[in-house]
Amino acid sequence: TKQLGLTTMAHLPCTGFRPPEIGAILDQLDAGGVRDVLALRGDPPRDVPDFVIPKDGFQYANQLVAYIAARGRFGIGAACC
């Protein structure tokens, strides 16, 4: 990022993650100088046919967006279809 002068945006899916795990990822991104995050719901893992979203996990990307926004350190992008 700093060496090439490019703006980076981390793609962050929330499927399967709990808030503390997302918080740790955001802390790592912040420490690495990443300031923009593309918040995605993400697909369930292909190799886990019985995948269940954790009870305290993020069901939808808008929940992830709100969580990131509450931390106040990132620009947030989102995608929908």
N, C-alpha and C. Protein backbone atom coordinates (compact mmCIF):
# COMPACT_ATOMS: atom_id res chain seq x y z
N THR A 1 0.83 -1.19 0.00
CA THR A 1 0.00 0.00 0.00
C THR A 1 0.87 1.25 0.00
N LYS A 2 1.73 1.36 0.97
CA LYS A 2 2.56 2.57 1.09
C LYS A 2 3.62 2.64 0.01
N GLN A 3 4.17 1.51 -0.36
CA GLN A 3 5.25 1.49 -1.35
C GLN A 3 4.75 1.81 -2.75
N LEU A 4 3.56 1.36 -3.10
CA LEU A 4 3.04 1.55 -4.45
C LEU A 4 2.10 2.73 -4.57
N GLY A 5 1.66 3.29 -3.45
CA GLY A 5 0.74 4.41 -3.49
C GLY A 5 -0.67 4.01 -3.88
N LEU A 6 -1.04 2.76 -3.67
CA LEU A 6 -2.37 2.29 -4.02
C LEU A 6 -3.29 2.32 -2.81
N THR A 7 -4.55 2.58 -3.06
CA THR A 7 -5.55 2.47 -2.01
C THR A 7 -6.01 1.02 -1.97
N THR A 8 -5.93 0.42 -0.80
CA THR A 8 -6.35 -0.97 -0.66
C THR A 8 -7.71 -1.04 0.02
N MET A 9 -8.44 -2.09 -0.30
CA MET A 9 -9.73 -2.34 0.34
C MET A 9 -9.78 -3.83 0.65
N ALA A 10 -9.88 -4.14 1.92
CA ALA A 10 -9.97 -5.53 2.32
C ALA A 10 -11.39 -6.04 2.06
N HIS A 11 -11.49 -7.24 1.51
CA HIS A 11 -12.78 -7.90 1.32
C HIS A 11 -13.03 -8.74 2.56
N LEU A 12 -14.06 -8.39 3.32
CA LEU A 12 -14.29 -9.04 4.60
C LEU A 12 -15.67 -9.69 4.63
N PRO A 13 -15.73 -11.01 4.44
CA PRO A 13 -17.02 -11.70 4.58
C PRO A 13 -17.31 -11.95 6.05
N CYS A 14 -18.58 -11.96 6.41
CA CYS A 14 -18.94 -12.18 7.81
C CYS A 14 -19.49 -13.57 8.07
N THR A 15 -19.80 -14.34 7.04
CA THR A 15 -20.39 -15.66 7.23
C THR A 15 -19.45 -16.55 8.06
N GLY A 16 -19.99 -17.04 9.17
CA GLY A 16 -19.23 -17.95 10.01
C GLY A 16 -18.39 -17.28 11.08
N PHE A 17 -18.32 -15.96 11.09
CA PHE A 17 -17.53 -15.26 12.09
C PHE A 17 -18.42 -14.67 13.17
N ARG A 18 -17.90 -14.65 14.38
CA ARG A 18 -18.55 -13.99 15.51
C ARG A 18 -17.95 -12.59 15.65
N PRO A 19 -18.66 -11.68 16.30
CA PRO A 19 -18.13 -10.31 16.45
C PRO A 19 -16.71 -10.22 17.00
N PRO A 20 -16.33 -10.99 18.03
CA PRO A 20 -14.94 -10.87 18.49
C PRO A 20 -13.91 -11.25 17.43
N GLU A 21 -14.25 -12.22 16.58
CA GLU A 21 -13.33 -12.63 15.51
C GLU A 21 -13.22 -11.52 14.46
N ILE A 22 -14.35 -10.92 14.11
CA ILE A 22 -14.32 -9.81 13.16
C ILE A 22 -13.54 -8.65 13.76
N GLY A 23 -13.75 -8.40 15.05
CA GLY A 23 -13.00 -7.33 15.72
C GLY A 23 -11.50 -7.55 15.64
N ALA A 24 -11.06 -8.78 15.84
CA ALA A 24 -9.63 -9.10 15.75
C ALA A 24 -9.11 -8.90 14.34
N ILE A 25 -9.91 -9.28 13.34
CA ILE A 25 -9.50 -9.07 11.95
C ILE A 25 -9.39 -7.58 11.67
N LEU A 26 -10.36 -6.81 12.12
CA LEU A 26 -10.32 -5.36 11.91
C LEU A 26 -9.11 -4.73 12.60
N ASP A 27 -8.77 -5.21 13.78
CA ASP A 27 -7.58 -4.71 14.47
C ASP A 27 -6.33 -4.99 13.66
N GLN A 28 -6.25 -6.18 13.05
CA GLN A 28 -5.09 -6.53 12.22
C GLN A 28 -5.03 -5.65 10.98
N LEU A 29 -6.18 -5.43 10.36
CA LEU A 29 -6.21 -4.56 9.18
C LEU A 29 -5.76 -3.15 9.54
N ASP A 30 -6.27 -2.64 10.65
CA ASP A 30 -5.90 -1.30 11.11
C ASP A 30 -4.40 -1.21 11.37
N ALA A 31 -3.86 -2.21 12.04
CA ALA A 31 -2.43 -2.23 12.33
C ALA A 31 -1.60 -2.28 11.06
N GLY A 32 -2.15 -2.91 10.02
CA GLY A 32 -1.45 -3.01 8.74
C GLY A 32 -1.66 -1.80 7.84
N GLY A 33 -2.41 -0.82 8.31
CA GLY A 33 -2.61 0.39 7.52
C GLY A 33 -3.77 0.35 6.55
N VAL A 34 -4.58 -0.70 6.60
CA VAL A 34 -5.74 -0.79 5.72
C VAL A 34 -6.84 0.07 6.32
N ARG A 35 -7.40 0.98 5.53
CA ARG A 35 -8.41 1.92 6.03
C ARG A 35 -9.79 1.72 5.42
N ASP A 36 -9.90 0.87 4.41
CA ASP A 36 -11.17 0.65 3.73
C ASP A 36 -11.50 -0.84 3.71
N VAL A 37 -12.78 -1.13 3.97
CA VAL A 37 -13.23 -2.52 4.04
C VAL A 37 -14.48 -2.69 3.17
N LEU A 38 -14.48 -3.74 2.36
CA LEU A 38 -15.67 -4.12 1.61
C LEU A 38 -16.38 -5.18 2.43
N ALA A 39 -17.52 -4.81 3.00
CA ALA A 39 -18.26 -5.71 3.88
C ALA A 39 -19.17 -6.61 3.06
N LEU A 40 -18.98 -7.91 3.22
CA LEU A 40 -19.73 -8.90 2.45
C LEU A 40 -20.35 -9.92 3.38
N ARG A 41 -21.49 -10.45 2.98
CA ARG A 41 -22.06 -11.57 3.74
C ARG A 41 -21.20 -12.80 3.53
N GLY A 42 -20.88 -13.09 2.29
CA GLY A 42 -20.08 -14.26 1.97
C GLY A 42 -20.95 -15.50 1.84
N ASP A 43 -20.39 -16.50 1.19
CA ASP A 43 -21.09 -17.77 1.00
C ASP A 43 -20.69 -18.75 2.09
N PRO A 44 -21.58 -19.65 2.43
CA PRO A 44 -21.20 -20.71 3.37
C PRO A 44 -20.08 -21.55 2.77
N PRO A 45 -19.24 -22.15 3.61
CA PRO A 45 -18.16 -23.00 3.09
C PRO A 45 -18.73 -24.16 2.26
N ARG A 46 -18.15 -24.38 1.09
CA ARG A 46 -18.63 -25.46 0.21
C ARG A 46 -18.43 -26.84 0.81
N ASP A 47 -17.38 -26.98 1.61
CA ASP A 47 -17.05 -28.30 2.16
C ASP A 47 -17.76 -28.59 3.48
N VAL A 48 -18.71 -27.72 3.86
CA VAL A 48 -19.48 -27.93 5.09
C VAL A 48 -20.97 -27.87 4.74
N PRO A 49 -21.53 -29.00 4.29
CA PRO A 49 -22.92 -29.00 3.83
C PRO A 49 -23.94 -28.64 4.91
N ASP A 50 -23.61 -28.90 6.16
CA ASP A 50 -24.53 -28.61 7.25
C ASP A 50 -24.17 -27.32 7.99
N PHE A 51 -23.51 -26.40 7.28
CA PHE A 51 -23.06 -25.16 7.89
C PHE A 51 -24.22 -24.38 8.51
N VAL A 52 -24.00 -23.91 9.72
CA VAL A 52 -24.98 -23.09 10.42
C VAL A 52 -24.27 -21.82 10.90
N ILE A 53 -24.88 -20.68 10.66
CA ILE A 53 -24.31 -19.42 11.14
C ILE A 53 -24.34 -19.44 12.67
N PRO A 54 -23.24 -19.06 13.31
CA PRO A 54 -23.23 -19.05 14.77
C PRO A 54 -24.36 -18.17 15.32
N LYS A 55 -24.93 -18.58 16.47
CA LYS A 55 -26.04 -17.82 17.06
C LYS A 55 -25.71 -16.36 17.24
N ASP A 56 -24.50 -16.06 17.68
CA ASP A 56 -24.11 -14.68 17.90
C ASP A 56 -23.35 -14.11 16.70
N GLY A 57 -23.40 -14.82 15.57
CA GLY A 57 -22.71 -14.38 14.36
C GLY A 57 -23.54 -13.39 13.55
N PHE A 58 -22.98 -12.97 12.44
CA PHE A 58 -23.64 -12.03 11.55
C PHE A 58 -24.47 -12.80 10.52
N GLN A 59 -25.73 -12.50 10.45
CA GLN A 59 -26.62 -13.14 9.49
C GLN A 59 -26.51 -12.48 8.11
N TYR A 60 -26.37 -11.15 8.12
CA TYR A 60 -26.37 -10.37 6.87
C TYR A 60 -25.26 -9.32 6.90
N ALA A 61 -24.88 -8.87 5.73
CA ALA A 61 -23.80 -7.90 5.60
C ALA A 61 -24.13 -6.57 6.28
N ASN A 62 -25.42 -6.18 6.31
CA ASN A 62 -25.75 -4.91 6.96
C ASN A 62 -25.39 -4.93 8.45
N GLN A 63 -25.43 -6.10 9.07
CA GLN A 63 -25.02 -6.22 10.46
C GLN A 63 -23.51 -6.02 10.58
N LEU A 64 -22.78 -6.54 9.62
CA LEU A 64 -21.33 -6.33 9.59
C LEU A 64 -21.01 -4.86 9.36
N VAL A 65 -21.72 -4.22 8.44
CA VAL A 65 -21.51 -2.79 8.18
C VAL A 65 -21.71 -1.99 9.46
N ALA A 66 -22.79 -2.26 10.19
CA ALA A 66 -23.06 -1.54 11.44
C ALA A 66 -21.95 -1.77 12.46
N TYR A 67 -21.46 -3.00 12.53
CA TYR A 67 -20.39 -3.32 13.48
C TYR A 67 -19.11 -2.56 13.14
N ILE A 68 -18.77 -2.55 11.85
CA ILE A 68 -17.57 -1.83 11.42
C ILE A 68 -17.74 -0.34 11.66
N ALA A 69 -18.89 0.20 11.31
CA ALA A 69 -19.15 1.64 11.47
C ALA A 69 -19.04 2.06 12.93
N ALA A 70 -19.49 1.21 13.84
CA ALA A 70 -19.43 1.53 15.27
C ALA A 70 -18.00 1.68 15.76
N ARG A 71 -17.08 1.03 15.08
CA ARG A 71 -15.66 1.14 15.46
C ARG A 71 -15.06 2.45 14.98
N GLY A 72 -15.65 3.04 13.93
CA GLY A 72 -15.28 4.37 13.48
C GLY A 72 -13.91 4.56 12.85
N ARG A 73 -13.24 3.52 12.44
CA ARG A 73 -11.89 3.68 11.88
C ARG A 73 -11.77 3.39 10.39
N PHE A 74 -12.86 2.94 9.78
CA PHE A 74 -12.75 2.45 8.41
C PHE A 74 -13.76 3.11 7.48
N GLY A 75 -13.35 3.26 6.22
CA GLY A 75 -14.30 3.54 5.17
C GLY A 75 -14.91 2.20 4.80
N ILE A 76 -16.22 2.19 4.51
CA ILE A 76 -16.90 0.91 4.30
C ILE A 76 -17.56 0.90 2.93
N GLY A 77 -17.30 -0.15 2.18
CA GLY A 77 -17.99 -0.40 0.92
C GLY A 77 -18.87 -1.63 1.10
N ALA A 78 -19.87 -1.77 0.28
CA ALA A 78 -20.75 -2.94 0.35
C ALA A 78 -21.20 -3.28 -1.06
N ALA A 79 -21.61 -4.51 -1.25
CA ALA A 79 -22.12 -4.97 -2.55
C ALA A 79 -23.41 -5.71 -2.31
N CYS A 80 -24.29 -5.64 -3.30
CA CYS A 80 -25.54 -6.39 -3.19
C CYS A 80 -25.97 -6.84 -4.57
N CYS A 81 -26.87 -7.78 -4.58
CA CYS A 81 -27.41 -8.25 -5.86
C CYS A 81 -28.85 -8.61 -5.71
